[in-house]
Amino acid sequence: MTEPVRLSKRMSELGLSSRREADDWIAKGWVRVDGQVVSELGSKVLPHQKITVERQAAAEQSKRVTVLINKPVGYVSGQAEDGYKPAVTLIKPENRWPDDPSPEQFHPTQLRSLVPAGRLDIDSVGLLVLTQDGRIAKQLIGENTSVEKEYLVRVQYTKPGTLPESELKKLNQGLWMDGKPLLPAKVRWQNDDQLSFTLREGRKRQIRRMCDMVGLKVLGLKRVRIGKVKLGDLPPGQWRYLRPDEQF
């Protein structure tokens, strides 16, 4: 890579910020390239050039919160649709998990730009991440994300007998969706009617469609882990802050 690239893109690649944050900081004069302030949007840099940000940028970034919620059925992940409420409406003081160990104090400004980093269908439950931090959003839903997501899925086989081993193998590797092969998954039985799915991608209604392809009907779907962060004992409809020592 020897071609110049946009400064905001390079900052995103280096994990300094999201592109939107980078543009904001550049406009405020908070970004230096090789020690010189660069405040013109669209400026380009070469890969060897050193990019630093002023303290104000780091301070602003450290105030950004990330929230974990145990989404119940009937709430959508993002924008309100068809009369259903978005999960962010549950983020209020009375719904905060009483056992949340975080010292963070709730403030309504934390709801500004608090967006879901990934989706969970309206009829699915479990761990949903909402964040103000562009770096976390990129890590979880960026094009090159490799963060695992684990689900517990209650199923019913719609054909006589039980699911053949060959079909279970297909769930692990060998299915195609929307004209493309799915990335290898880890799918195993937890008990007689429950499978554990671990995926590294999240196509729309992926697990339900995968199950459908092998004759399984999904009766319930719950996300229990994203990367190293687990749902744990967080009750349905309640939320907590991501702790400083937790990383996806």
C-alpha atoms as a PDB file:
ATOM      1  CA  MET A   1       0.000   0.000   0.000  1.00  0.00           C
ATOM      2  CA  THR A   2       1.931   3.038  -1.266  1.00  0.00           C
ATOM      3  CA  GLU A   3      -0.959   5.069  -2.672  1.00  0.00           C
ATOM      4  CA  PRO A   4      -2.213   7.976  -0.562  1.00  0.00           C
ATOM      5  CA  VAL A   5      -5.541   7.280   1.190  1.00  0.00           C
ATOM      6  CA  ARG A   6      -8.057   9.533   2.879  1.00  0.00           C
ATOM      7  CA  LEU A   7      -6.926  10.489   6.370  1.00  0.00           C
ATOM      8  CA  SER A   8     -10.283   9.473   7.903  1.00  0.00           C
ATOM      9  CA  LYS A   9     -10.087   6.031   6.222  1.00  0.00           C
ATOM     10  CA  ARG A  10      -6.524   5.511   7.471  1.00  0.00           C
ATOM     11  CA  MET A  11      -7.541   6.509  11.020  1.00  0.00           C
ATOM     12  CA  SER A  12     -10.357   3.955  10.877  1.00  0.00           C
ATOM     13  CA  GLU A  13      -7.963   1.252   9.590  1.00  0.00           C
ATOM     14  CA  LEU A  14      -5.584   1.984  12.477  1.00  0.00           C
ATOM     15  CA  GLY A  15      -8.451   1.684  14.987  1.00  0.00           C
ATOM     16  CA  LEU A  16      -8.069   5.297  16.152  1.00  0.00           C
ATOM     17  CA  SER A  17     -11.694   6.178  15.452  1.00  0.00           C
ATOM     18  CA  SER A  18     -14.613   5.587  13.138  1.00  0.00           C
ATOM     19  CA  ARG A  19     -14.553   7.514   9.840  1.00  0.00           C
ATOM     20  CA  ARG A  20     -17.317   9.827  11.035  1.00  0.00           C
ATOM     21  CA  GLU A  21     -15.409  10.576  14.250  1.00  0.00           C
ATOM     22  CA  ALA A  22     -12.228  11.154  12.252  1.00  0.00           C
ATOM     23  CA  ASP A  23     -13.933  13.729  10.008  1.00  0.00           C
ATOM     24  CA  ASP A  24     -15.311  15.486  13.099  1.00  0.00           C
ATOM     25  CA  TRP A  25     -11.881  15.600  14.766  1.00  0.00           C
ATOM     26  CA  ILE A  26     -10.141  16.758  11.573  1.00  0.00           C
ATOM     27  CA  ALA A  27     -12.635  19.643  11.274  1.00  0.00           C
ATOM     28  CA  LYS A  28     -11.929  20.581  14.919  1.00  0.00           C
ATOM     29  CA  GLY A  29      -8.146  20.588  14.330  1.00  0.00           C
ATOM     30  CA  TRP A  30      -7.554  17.651  16.664  1.00  0.00           C
ATOM     31  CA  VAL A  31      -5.569  15.511  14.205  1.00  0.00           C
ATOM     32  CA  ARG A  32      -1.862  15.796  13.385  1.00  0.00           C
ATOM     33  CA  VAL A  33       0.062  14.092  10.589  1.00  0.00           C
ATOM     34  CA  ASP A  34       3.819  13.952  11.221  1.00  0.00           C
ATOM     35  CA  GLY A  35       3.287  16.579  13.935  1.00  0.00           C
ATOM     36  CA  GLN A  36       1.385  19.047  11.707  1.00  0.00           C
ATOM     37  CA  VAL A  37      -2.301  19.831  12.299  1.00  0.00           C
ATOM     38  CA  VAL A  38      -4.449  18.743   9.337  1.00  0.00           C
ATOM     39  CA  SER A  39      -7.891  20.339   9.400  1.00  0.00           C
ATOM     40  CA  GLU A  40      -9.033  19.961   5.795  1.00  0.00           C
ATOM     41  CA  LEU A  41     -11.612  17.239   5.194  1.00  0.00           C
ATOM     42  CA  GLY A  42     -10.649  14.815   2.426  1.00  0.00           C
ATOM     43  CA  SER A  43      -6.911  15.203   3.096  1.00  0.00           C
ATOM     44  CA  LYS A  44      -4.826  12.174   2.097  1.00  0.00           C
ATOM     45  CA  VAL A  45      -1.885  10.494   3.780  1.00  0.00           C
ATOM     46  CA  LEU A  46       0.734   7.883   2.932  1.00  0.00           C
ATOM     47  CA  PRO A  47       0.920   4.667   4.966  1.00  0.00           C
ATOM     48  CA  HIS A  48       4.247   5.493   6.653  1.00  0.00           C
ATOM     49  CA  GLN A  49       3.052   8.868   7.968  1.00  0.00           C
ATOM     50  CA  LYS A  50       2.466   9.149  11.713  1.00  0.00           C
ATOM     51  CA  ILE A  51      -1.050  10.127  12.800  1.00  0.00           C
ATOM     52  CA  THR A  52      -1.704  11.440  16.307  1.00  0.00           C
ATOM     53  CA  VAL A  53      -4.811  12.904  17.931  1.00  0.00           C
ATOM     54  CA  GLU A  54      -5.128  15.621  20.550  1.00  0.00           C
ATOM     55  CA  ARG A  55      -6.154  14.836  24.116  1.00  0.00           C
ATOM     56  CA  GLN A  56      -9.599  16.352  23.624  1.00  0.00           C
ATOM     57  CA  ALA A  57     -10.408  13.620  21.089  1.00  0.00           C
ATOM     58  CA  ALA A  58      -9.387  10.826  23.451  1.00  0.00           C
ATOM     59  CA  ALA A  59     -11.360  12.475  26.282  1.00  0.00           C
ATOM     60  CA  GLU A  60     -14.456  12.779  24.092  1.00  0.00           C
ATOM     61  CA  GLN A  61     -14.099   9.145  23.028  1.00  0.00           C
ATOM     62  CA  SER A  62     -13.721   7.905  26.606  1.00  0.00           C
ATOM     63  CA  LYS A  63     -17.119   9.414  27.491  1.00  0.00           C
ATOM     64  CA  ARG A  64     -18.845   7.218  24.904  1.00  0.00           C
ATOM     65  CA  VAL A  65     -20.787   4.374  26.433  1.00  0.00           C
ATOM     66  CA  THR A  66     -21.557   0.843  25.308  1.00  0.00           C
ATOM     67  CA  VAL A  67     -24.604  -0.883  26.708  1.00  0.00           C
ATOM     68  CA  LEU A  68     -25.558  -4.580  26.797  1.00  0.00           C
ATOM     69  CA  ILE A  69     -29.241  -5.437  26.847  1.00  0.00           C
ATOM     70  CA  ASN A  70     -31.124  -8.717  27.089  1.00  0.00           C
ATOM     71  CA  LYS A  71     -33.608  -7.976  24.311  1.00  0.00           C
ATOM     72  CA  PRO A  72     -37.062  -9.499  24.825  1.00  0.00           C
ATOM     73  CA  VAL A  73     -39.371 -10.686  22.024  1.00  0.00           C
ATOM     74  CA  GLY A  74     -41.362  -7.885  20.377  1.00  0.00           C
ATOM     75  CA  TYR A  75     -38.625  -5.243  20.201  1.00  0.00           C
ATOM     76  CA  VAL A  76     -36.696  -4.419  17.031  1.00  0.00           C
ATOM     77  CA  SER A  77     -32.935  -3.850  17.113  1.00  0.00           C
ATOM     78  CA  GLY A  78     -32.810  -0.560  15.221  1.00  0.00           C
ATOM     79  CA  GLN A  79     -35.404   1.902  13.922  1.00  0.00           C
ATOM     80  CA  ALA A  80     -39.031   1.561  14.999  1.00  0.00           C
ATOM     81  CA  GLU A  81     -41.033  -0.407  12.427  1.00  0.00           C
ATOM     82  CA  ASP A  82     -44.642  -1.589  12.026  1.00  0.00           C
ATOM     83  CA  GLY A  83     -45.591  -0.208  15.425  1.00  0.00           C
ATOM     84  CA  TYR A  84     -42.828  -2.138  17.218  1.00  0.00           C
ATOM     85  CA  LYS A  85     -40.525  -0.252  19.571  1.00  0.00           C
ATOM     86  CA  PRO A  86     -36.732  -0.212  19.167  1.00  0.00           C
ATOM     87  CA  ALA A  87     -34.679  -1.829  21.932  1.00  0.00           C
ATOM     88  CA  VAL A  88     -33.084   1.530  22.801  1.00  0.00           C
ATOM     89  CA  THR A  89     -36.411   2.587  24.417  1.00  0.00           C
ATOM     90  CA  LEU A  90     -35.620   0.083  27.199  1.00  0.00           C
ATOM     91  CA  ILE A  91     -32.464   2.002  28.143  1.00  0.00           C
ATOM     92  CA  LYS A  92     -33.779   3.992  31.125  1.00  0.00           C
ATOM     93  CA  PRO A  93     -32.810   4.081  34.793  1.00  0.00           C
ATOM     94  CA  GLU A  94     -35.647   1.831  35.991  1.00  0.00           C
ATOM     95  CA  ASN A  95     -34.579  -0.978  33.611  1.00  0.00           C
ATOM     96  CA  ARG A  96     -30.921  -0.944  34.605  1.00  0.00           C
ATOM     97  CA  TRP A  97     -29.843  -4.289  36.085  1.00  0.00           C
ATOM     98  CA  PRO A  98     -29.544  -3.771  39.866  1.00  0.00           C
ATOM     99  CA  ASP A  99     -26.410  -5.974  39.869  1.00  0.00           C
ATOM    100  CA  ASP A 100     -24.610  -3.904  37.200  1.00  0.00           C
ATOM    101  CA  PRO A 101     -21.050  -3.593  38.608  1.00  0.00           C
ATOM    102  CA  SER A 102     -20.240  -0.503  36.528  1.00  0.00           C
ATOM    103  CA  PRO A 103     -19.753   2.795  38.425  1.00  0.00           C
ATOM    104  CA  GLU A 104     -21.043   4.647  35.322  1.00  0.00           C
ATOM    105  CA  GLN A 105     -23.957   6.987  36.064  1.00  0.00           C
ATOM    106  CA  PHE A 106     -26.851   7.079  33.615  1.00  0.00           C
ATOM    107  CA  HIS A 107     -27.396  10.374  31.793  1.00  0.00           C
ATOM    108  CA  PRO A 108     -29.883  11.045  28.960  1.00  0.00           C
ATOM    109  CA  THR A 109     -27.018  12.299  26.723  1.00  0.00           C
ATOM    110  CA  GLN A 110     -25.865   8.665  26.568  1.00  0.00           C
ATOM    111  CA  LEU A 111     -28.914   7.927  24.404  1.00  0.00           C
ATOM    112  CA  ARG A 112     -27.624  10.252  21.668  1.00  0.00           C
ATOM    113  CA  SER A 113     -26.138   8.270  18.776  1.00  0.00           C
ATOM    114  CA  LEU A 114     -26.574   5.040  20.767  1.00  0.00           C
ATOM    115  CA  VAL A 115     -26.900   2.570  17.912  1.00  0.00           C
ATOM    116  CA  PRO A 116     -27.138  -1.225  17.698  1.00  0.00           C
ATOM    117  CA  ALA A 117     -23.874  -2.926  16.717  1.00  0.00           C
ATOM    118  CA  GLY A 118     -25.575  -5.805  14.947  1.00  0.00           C
ATOM    119  CA  ARG A 119     -29.172  -6.944  14.788  1.00  0.00           C
ATOM    120  CA  LEU A 120     -31.396  -9.434  16.537  1.00  0.00           C
ATOM    121  CA  ASP A 121     -34.736 -10.332  14.943  1.00  0.00           C
ATOM    122  CA  ILE A 122     -37.969  -9.182  16.557  1.00  0.00           C
ATOM    123  CA  ASP A 123     -38.834 -12.768  17.549  1.00  0.00           C
ATOM    124  CA  SER A 124     -35.328 -13.503  18.917  1.00  0.00           C
ATOM    125  CA  VAL A 125     -34.045 -12.710  22.402  1.00  0.00           C
ATOM    126  CA  GLY A 126     -30.747 -12.251  24.152  1.00  0.00           C
ATOM    127  CA  LEU A 127     -27.587 -10.194  23.955  1.00  0.00           C
ATOM    128  CA  LEU A 128     -27.794  -6.976  21.941  1.00  0.00           C
ATOM    129  CA  VAL A 129     -25.016  -4.359  21.979  1.00  0.00           C
ATOM    130  CA  LEU A 130     -25.828  -0.645  21.676  1.00  0.00           C
ATOM    131  CA  THR A 131     -22.878   1.725  21.436  1.00  0.00           C
ATOM    132  CA  GLN A 132     -21.859   5.355  20.929  1.00  0.00           C
ATOM    133  CA  ASP A 133     -18.325   4.202  20.068  1.00  0.00           C
ATOM    134  CA  GLY A 134     -17.637   3.891  16.347  1.00  0.00           C
ATOM    135  CA  ARG A 135     -14.630   1.637  17.003  1.00  0.00           C
ATOM    136  CA  ILE A 136     -16.802  -0.983  18.718  1.00  0.00           C
ATOM    137  CA  ALA A 137     -19.447  -0.800  15.977  1.00  0.00           C
ATOM    138  CA  LYS A 138     -16.733  -1.364  13.348  1.00  0.00           C
ATOM    139  CA  GLN A 139     -15.284  -4.273  15.339  1.00  0.00           C
ATOM    140  CA  LEU A 140     -18.668  -6.013  15.596  1.00  0.00           C
ATOM    141  CA  ILE A 141     -20.310  -5.234  12.250  1.00  0.00           C
ATOM    142  CA  GLY A 142     -17.507  -4.026   9.966  1.00  0.00           C
ATOM    143  CA  GLU A 143     -16.875  -5.840   6.683  1.00  0.00           C
ATOM    144  CA  ASN A 144     -13.883  -7.740   8.039  1.00  0.00           C
ATOM    145  CA  THR A 145     -15.260  -8.658  11.462  1.00  0.00           C
ATOM    146  CA  SER A 146     -14.318 -12.095  12.760  1.00  0.00           C
ATOM    147  CA  VAL A 147     -16.007 -11.756  16.161  1.00  0.00           C
ATOM    148  CA  GLU A 148     -17.939 -14.935  17.003  1.00  0.00           C
ATOM    149  CA  LYS A 149     -21.581 -14.827  18.046  1.00  0.00           C
ATOM    150  CA  GLU A 150     -23.118 -17.754  19.914  1.00  0.00           C
ATOM    151  CA  TYR A 151     -26.818 -18.653  19.961  1.00  0.00           C
ATOM    152  CA  LEU A 152     -28.940 -21.288  21.698  1.00  0.00           C
ATOM    153  CA  VAL A 153     -31.671 -22.464  19.326  1.00  0.00           C
ATOM    154  CA  ARG A 154     -34.651 -24.621  20.297  1.00  0.00           C
ATOM    155  CA  VAL A 155     -35.696 -26.681  17.279  1.00  0.00           C
ATOM    156  CA  GLN A 156     -38.167 -29.299  16.102  1.00  0.00           C
ATOM    157  CA  TYR A 157     -37.390 -31.725  13.268  1.00  0.00           C
ATOM    158  CA  THR A 158     -40.220 -31.593  10.739  1.00  0.00           C
ATOM    159  CA  LYS A 159     -39.544 -35.003   9.191  1.00  0.00           C
ATOM    160  CA  PRO A 160     -39.896 -38.513  10.674  1.00  0.00           C
ATOM    161  CA  GLY A 161     -37.152 -39.620  13.065  1.00  0.00           C
ATOM    162  CA  THR A 162     -34.254 -37.400  14.137  1.00  0.00           C
ATOM    163  CA  LEU A 163     -31.945 -35.051  12.248  1.00  0.00           C
ATOM    164  CA  PRO A 164     -29.370 -37.180  10.365  1.00  0.00           C
ATOM    165  CA  GLU A 165     -25.692 -36.614  11.178  1.00  0.00           C
ATOM    166  CA  SER A 166     -25.117 -35.669   7.512  1.00  0.00           C
ATOM    167  CA  GLU A 167     -27.554 -32.726   7.865  1.00  0.00           C
ATOM    168  CA  LEU A 168     -25.821 -31.565  11.064  1.00  0.00           C
ATOM    169  CA  LYS A 169     -22.539 -31.585   9.102  1.00  0.00           C
ATOM    170  CA  LYS A 170     -24.183 -29.400   6.444  1.00  0.00           C
ATOM    171  CA  LEU A 171     -25.082 -26.844   9.125  1.00  0.00           C
ATOM    172  CA  ASN A 172     -21.426 -26.737  10.143  1.00  0.00           C
ATOM    173  CA  GLN A 173     -20.146 -26.380   6.594  1.00  0.00           C
ATOM    174  CA  GLY A 174     -21.710 -26.761   3.190  1.00  0.00           C
ATOM    175  CA  LEU A 175     -24.785 -24.529   3.003  1.00  0.00           C
ATOM    176  CA  TRP A 176     -25.241 -21.695   0.514  1.00  0.00           C
ATOM    177  CA  MET A 177     -27.402 -18.614   0.999  1.00  0.00           C
ATOM    178  CA  ASP A 178     -28.255 -15.861  -1.486  1.00  0.00           C
ATOM    179  CA  GLY A 179     -25.883 -17.418  -4.039  1.00  0.00           C
ATOM    180  CA  LYS A 180     -22.866 -17.427  -1.705  1.00  0.00           C
ATOM    181  CA  PRO A 181     -21.396 -20.146   0.528  1.00  0.00           C
ATOM    182  CA  LEU A 182     -21.802 -19.542   4.254  1.00  0.00           C
ATOM    183  CA  LEU A 183     -18.661 -19.320   6.368  1.00  0.00           C
ATOM    184  CA  PRO A 184     -18.004 -22.482   8.412  1.00  0.00           C
ATOM    185  CA  ALA A 185     -20.067 -22.499  11.629  1.00  0.00           C
ATOM    186  CA  LYS A 186     -19.887 -24.525  14.841  1.00  0.00           C
ATOM    187  CA  VAL A 187     -23.216 -26.266  15.367  1.00  0.00           C
ATOM    188  CA  ARG A 188     -23.699 -28.955  18.008  1.00  0.00           C
ATOM    189  CA  TRP A 189     -26.501 -30.435  20.106  1.00  0.00           C
ATOM    190  CA  GLN A 190     -26.847 -29.038  23.642  1.00  0.00           C
ATOM    191  CA  ASN A 191     -29.685 -31.411  24.529  1.00  0.00           C
ATOM    192  CA  ASP A 192     -32.511 -33.278  22.749  1.00  0.00           C
ATOM    193  CA  ASP A 193     -34.199 -30.190  21.312  1.00  0.00           C
ATOM    194  CA  GLN A 194     -31.580 -27.441  21.529  1.00  0.00           C
ATOM    195  CA  LEU A 195     -28.638 -26.632  19.268  1.00  0.00           C
ATOM    196  CA  SER A 196     -25.732 -24.271  19.901  1.00  0.00           C
ATOM    197  CA  PHE A 197     -24.752 -22.184  16.852  1.00  0.00           C
ATOM    198  CA  THR A 198     -21.492 -20.206  16.756  1.00  0.00           C
ATOM    199  CA  LEU A 199     -21.229 -17.924  13.707  1.00  0.00           C
ATOM    200  CA  ARG A 200     -18.750 -15.396  12.362  1.00  0.00           C
ATOM    201  CA  GLU A 201     -21.236 -13.662  10.056  1.00  0.00           C
ATOM    202  CA  GLY A 202     -24.799 -12.437  10.388  1.00  0.00           C
ATOM    203  CA  ARG A 203     -26.868 -12.570   7.255  1.00  0.00           C
ATOM    204  CA  LYS A 204     -30.531 -11.669   7.620  1.00  0.00           C
ATOM    205  CA  ARG A 205     -32.423 -14.375   9.557  1.00  0.00           C
ATOM    206  CA  GLN A 206     -29.444 -16.622   8.889  1.00  0.00           C
ATOM    207  CA  ILE A 207     -30.009 -19.262  11.579  1.00  0.00           C
ATOM    208  CA  ARG A 208     -33.729 -19.636  10.839  1.00  0.00           C
ATOM    209  CA  ARG A 209     -32.962 -20.045   7.138  1.00  0.00           C
ATOM    210  CA  MET A 210     -30.142 -22.535   7.810  1.00  0.00           C
ATOM    211  CA  CYS A 211     -32.468 -24.629   9.977  1.00  0.00           C
ATOM    212  CA  ASP A 212     -35.188 -24.486   7.339  1.00  0.00           C
ATOM    213  CA  MET A 213     -32.747 -25.901   4.749  1.00  0.00           C
ATOM    214  CA  VAL A 214     -32.274 -29.102   6.782  1.00  0.00           C
ATOM    215  CA  GLY A 215     -35.889 -29.562   7.905  1.00  0.00           C
ATOM    216  CA  LEU A 216     -35.658 -27.952  11.336  1.00  0.00           C
ATOM    217  CA  LYS A 217     -38.282 -25.524  12.634  1.00  0.00           C
ATOM    218  CA  VAL A 218     -36.973 -22.879  15.052  1.00  0.00           C
ATOM    219  CA  LEU A 219     -39.094 -22.591  18.200  1.00  0.00           C
ATOM    220  CA  GLY A 220     -36.857 -20.167  20.068  1.00  0.00           C
ATOM    221  CA  LEU A 221     -33.582 -18.314  19.474  1.00  0.00           C
ATOM    222  CA  LYS A 222     -31.391 -16.637  22.077  1.00  0.00           C
ATOM    223  CA  ARG A 223     -27.992 -14.959  21.593  1.00  0.00           C
ATOM    224  CA  VAL A 224     -25.805 -15.733  24.604  1.00  0.00           C
ATOM    225  CA  ARG A 225     -22.359 -14.431  23.613  1.00  0.00           C
ATOM    226  CA  ILE A 226     -20.631 -11.904  21.340  1.00  0.00           C
ATOM    227  CA  GLY A 227     -16.862 -12.495  21.225  1.00  0.00           C
ATOM    228  CA  LYS A 228     -15.675 -12.753  24.837  1.00  0.00           C
ATOM    229  CA  VAL A 229     -18.720 -10.943  26.255  1.00  0.00           C
ATOM    230  CA  LYS A 230     -21.484 -13.180  27.620  1.00  0.00           C
ATOM    231  CA  LEU A 231     -25.146 -12.492  28.379  1.00  0.00           C
ATOM    232  CA  GLY A 232     -24.667 -14.189  31.760  1.00  0.00           C
ATOM    233  CA  ASP A 233     -27.353 -13.492  34.386  1.00  0.00           C
ATOM    234  CA  LEU A 234     -28.672 -10.292  32.779  1.00  0.00           C
ATOM    235  CA  PRO A 235     -32.498 -10.598  33.004  1.00  0.00           C
ATOM    236  CA  PRO A 236     -34.782 -10.052  29.958  1.00  0.00           C
ATOM    237  CA  GLY A 237     -35.605  -6.388  29.347  1.00  0.00           C
ATOM    238  CA  GLN A 238     -32.744  -5.167  31.570  1.00  0.00           C
ATOM    239  CA  TRP A 239     -29.427  -3.612  30.600  1.00  0.00           C
ATOM    240  CA  ARG A 240     -25.958  -2.887  31.932  1.00  0.00           C
ATOM    241  CA  TYR A 241     -22.837  -1.004  30.844  1.00  0.00           C
ATOM    242  CA  LEU A 242     -19.912  -2.750  29.180  1.00  0.00           C
ATOM    243  CA  ARG A 243     -17.183  -2.813  31.841  1.00  0.00           C
ATOM    244  CA  PRO A 244     -13.775  -1.230  31.108  1.00  0.00           C
ATOM    245  CA  ASP A 245     -12.114  -4.657  31.530  1.00  0.00           C
ATOM    246  CA  GLU A 246     -14.476  -6.355  29.029  1.00  0.00           C
ATOM    247  CA  GLN A 247     -13.497  -6.697  25.391  1.00  0.00           C
ATOM    248  CA  PHE A 248     -15.302  -8.355  22.522  1.00  0.00           C
END
